[in-house]
Amino acid sequence: MSNEVFQQNLDDKKSPRPGGPYIIQMLFKEPVPMPDKEKMTAVMEQHIGAVECFCHDKKTAGFAALEHIAEFQDGKAPVQLMVMGCNRFEGKGFDDFLMSQMWDCMEDRERIFRECRRHRYAGGGTPGSGTGKSRHGLSGCTGRTVSHL
């Protein structure tokens, strides 16, 4: 795997901008059930303040971050956070840039890809098209981050 250093071109007007959606891909060795609504709500509120759960089942959980507001030309809305169900993971399709996003586990990334067989996506951003601008910076840049638990 490469140790190449990547640098963002801030002059590129076509690149994703702050305020757009972000996606996190969490990797697991075994299937992991969706945490219950109360536990998810408590953890999110501890880190980002008041939230409202607008959907929760074993495949999807959705929350509105009430203290993080996206501003649009025609109004405002809370930033949304989504957690998807746990699915099979094949470990394919990760280029050097995506692999470089494993900040906290660079030395272990090959082992993680070898051992992890399940994944769960989580993401957030502004509701709708993702073109809003969060006053509090909760929504980040477009991309795929790989974390391990």
Protein backbone atom coordinates (compact mmCIF):
# COMPACT_ATOMS: atom_id res chain seq x y z
CA MET A 1 0.00 0.00 0.00
CA SER A 2 1.17 3.47 -0.82
CA ASN A 3 2.48 6.08 1.61
CA GLU A 4 1.80 8.85 -0.92
CA VAL A 5 0.79 12.21 0.57
CA PHE A 6 -2.29 13.77 -1.03
CA GLN A 7 -2.97 17.50 -1.09
CA GLN A 8 -6.30 19.15 -1.75
CA ASN A 9 -6.45 21.71 -4.57
CA LEU A 10 -8.39 24.59 -3.02
CA ASP A 11 -8.46 26.45 -6.36
CA ASP A 12 -10.49 23.70 -8.05
CA LYS A 13 -14.04 25.08 -8.21
CA LYS A 14 -15.47 21.65 -9.15
CA SER A 15 -14.18 19.90 -6.02
CA PRO A 16 -16.55 19.23 -3.10
CA ARG A 17 -16.97 22.18 -0.78
CA PRO A 18 -17.73 22.43 2.94
CA GLY A 19 -21.44 22.04 3.53
CA GLY A 20 -21.79 19.01 1.31
CA PRO A 21 -22.44 15.45 2.39
CA TYR A 22 -19.90 13.14 4.00
CA ILE A 23 -19.83 9.36 4.23
CA ILE A 24 -18.06 7.17 6.76
CA GLN A 25 -17.60 3.47 6.12
CA MET A 26 -17.13 1.53 9.35
CA LEU A 27 -15.63 -1.95 9.12
CA PHE A 28 -16.40 -4.91 11.41
CA LYS A 29 -15.23 -8.50 11.73
CA GLU A 30 -18.76 -9.79 12.33
CA PRO A 31 -22.34 -8.52 11.86
CA VAL A 32 -23.28 -5.75 14.26
CA PRO A 33 -26.93 -4.97 15.07
CA MET A 34 -28.26 -1.43 14.85
CA PRO A 35 -27.95 0.18 18.31
CA ASP A 36 -31.29 1.02 19.91
CA LYS A 37 -32.83 4.43 19.36
CA GLU A 38 -32.35 5.62 22.95
CA LYS A 39 -28.67 4.71 23.02
CA MET A 40 -27.98 6.35 19.66
CA THR A 41 -29.84 9.48 20.71
CA ALA A 42 -27.91 9.72 24.01
CA VAL A 43 -24.50 9.31 22.34
CA MET A 44 -25.28 11.83 19.60
CA GLU A 45 -26.61 14.38 22.09
CA GLN A 46 -23.45 13.98 24.17
CA HIS A 47 -21.32 14.93 21.14
CA ILE A 48 -23.42 17.29 19.00
CA GLY A 49 -26.27 18.56 21.18
CA ALA A 50 -30.00 18.11 20.70
CA VAL A 51 -31.12 15.64 18.01
CA GLU A 52 -34.45 14.36 16.77
CA CYS A 53 -34.76 10.80 15.50
CA PHE A 54 -36.95 10.77 12.37
CA CYS A 55 -36.51 7.07 11.53
CA HIS A 56 -35.14 3.99 13.27
CA ASP A 57 -35.30 0.29 12.46
CA LYS A 58 -32.75 -2.51 12.03
CA LYS A 59 -31.69 -1.22 8.59
CA THR A 60 -31.63 2.57 8.95
CA ALA A 61 -31.49 5.28 11.59
CA GLY A 62 -31.92 8.96 10.79
CA PHE A 63 -31.42 12.00 13.00
CA ALA A 64 -31.75 15.76 12.65
CA ALA A 65 -28.99 17.67 14.48
CA LEU A 66 -31.17 20.48 15.86
CA GLU A 67 -28.31 22.77 16.88
CA HIS A 68 -26.55 22.54 13.50
CA ILE A 69 -28.56 24.43 10.91
CA ALA A 70 -28.01 24.43 7.16
CA GLU A 71 -28.91 27.68 5.43
CA PHE A 72 -30.40 27.68 1.93
CA GLN A 73 -31.57 30.47 -0.34
CA ASP A 74 -35.17 29.59 0.51
CA GLY A 75 -34.86 28.69 4.18
CA LYS A 76 -33.07 26.72 6.90
CA ALA A 77 -33.09 23.08 8.05
CA PRO A 78 -31.17 20.94 10.55
CA VAL A 79 -28.24 18.91 9.27
CA GLN A 80 -29.19 15.25 8.89
CA LEU A 81 -27.23 12.22 10.11
CA MET A 82 -27.92 8.70 8.79
CA VAL A 83 -26.66 5.26 9.83
CA MET A 84 -27.28 2.32 7.51
CA GLY A 85 -27.52 -1.41 8.21
CA CYS A 86 -24.57 -3.79 8.45
CA ASN A 87 -23.74 -5.54 5.13
CA ARG A 88 -21.12 -7.80 3.54
CA PHE A 89 -17.74 -6.23 2.86
CA GLU A 90 -15.41 -7.57 0.17
CA GLY A 91 -12.51 -5.15 0.71
CA LYS A 92 -12.38 -4.12 -2.95
CA GLY A 93 -12.46 -0.74 -4.66
CA PHE A 94 -10.16 1.21 -2.35
CA ASP A 95 -7.51 3.25 -4.10
CA ASP A 96 -4.46 4.85 -2.46
CA PHE A 97 -6.38 8.03 -1.66
CA LEU A 98 -9.18 6.18 0.15
CA MET A 99 -6.64 4.06 2.02
CA SER A 100 -4.88 7.26 3.13
CA GLN A 101 -8.06 8.24 5.01
CA MET A 102 -7.43 5.58 7.68
CA TRP A 103 -5.70 8.14 9.93
CA ASP A 104 -5.93 6.34 13.25
CA CYS A 105 -4.89 2.92 12.01
CA MET A 106 -2.36 3.35 9.20
CA GLU A 107 -0.12 0.52 10.47
CA ASP A 108 -3.07 -1.88 10.73
CA ARG A 109 -4.95 -1.12 7.52
CA GLU A 110 -3.84 -4.23 5.60
CA ARG A 111 -4.88 -6.46 8.52
CA ILE A 112 -8.18 -4.60 8.86
CA PHE A 113 -9.02 -5.18 5.19
CA ARG A 114 -8.04 -8.84 5.52
CA GLU A 115 -10.09 -9.50 8.68
CA CYS A 116 -13.17 -7.31 8.31
CA ARG A 117 -16.08 -8.89 6.44
CA ARG A 118 -18.93 -6.54 7.36
CA HIS A 119 -19.43 -2.80 6.95
CA ARG A 120 -21.89 -0.09 7.84
CA TYR A 121 -22.22 3.32 6.20
CA ALA A 122 -22.95 6.44 8.19
CA GLY A 123 -23.17 9.91 6.80
CA GLY A 124 -24.55 13.33 7.13
CA GLY A 125 -24.95 16.66 5.56
CA THR A 126 -27.60 19.06 4.57
CA PRO A 127 -31.06 17.79 3.70
CA GLY A 128 -32.01 17.62 0.03
CA SER A 129 -29.31 18.24 -2.52
CA GLY A 130 -26.43 18.69 -0.09
CA THR A 131 -25.70 22.20 -1.31
CA GLY A 132 -26.46 23.99 1.93
CA LYS A 133 -23.96 25.53 4.27
CA SER A 134 -23.89 24.54 7.94
CA ARG A 135 -23.32 27.34 10.42
CA HIS A 136 -21.56 24.95 12.78
CA GLY A 137 -19.50 22.92 10.33
CA LEU A 138 -21.11 19.55 11.09
CA SER A 139 -21.44 18.64 7.46
CA GLY A 140 -18.07 17.93 5.90
CA CYS A 141 -16.53 17.17 2.57
CA THR A 142 -17.62 14.46 0.19
CA GLY A 143 -15.56 11.32 0.42
CA ARG A 144 -15.36 7.90 1.96
CA THR A 145 -13.55 7.48 5.25
CA VAL A 146 -12.69 4.06 6.56
CA SER A 147 -12.81 3.52 10.30
CA HIS A 148 -12.54 0.37 12.32
CA LEU A 149 -14.15 -0.49 15.62
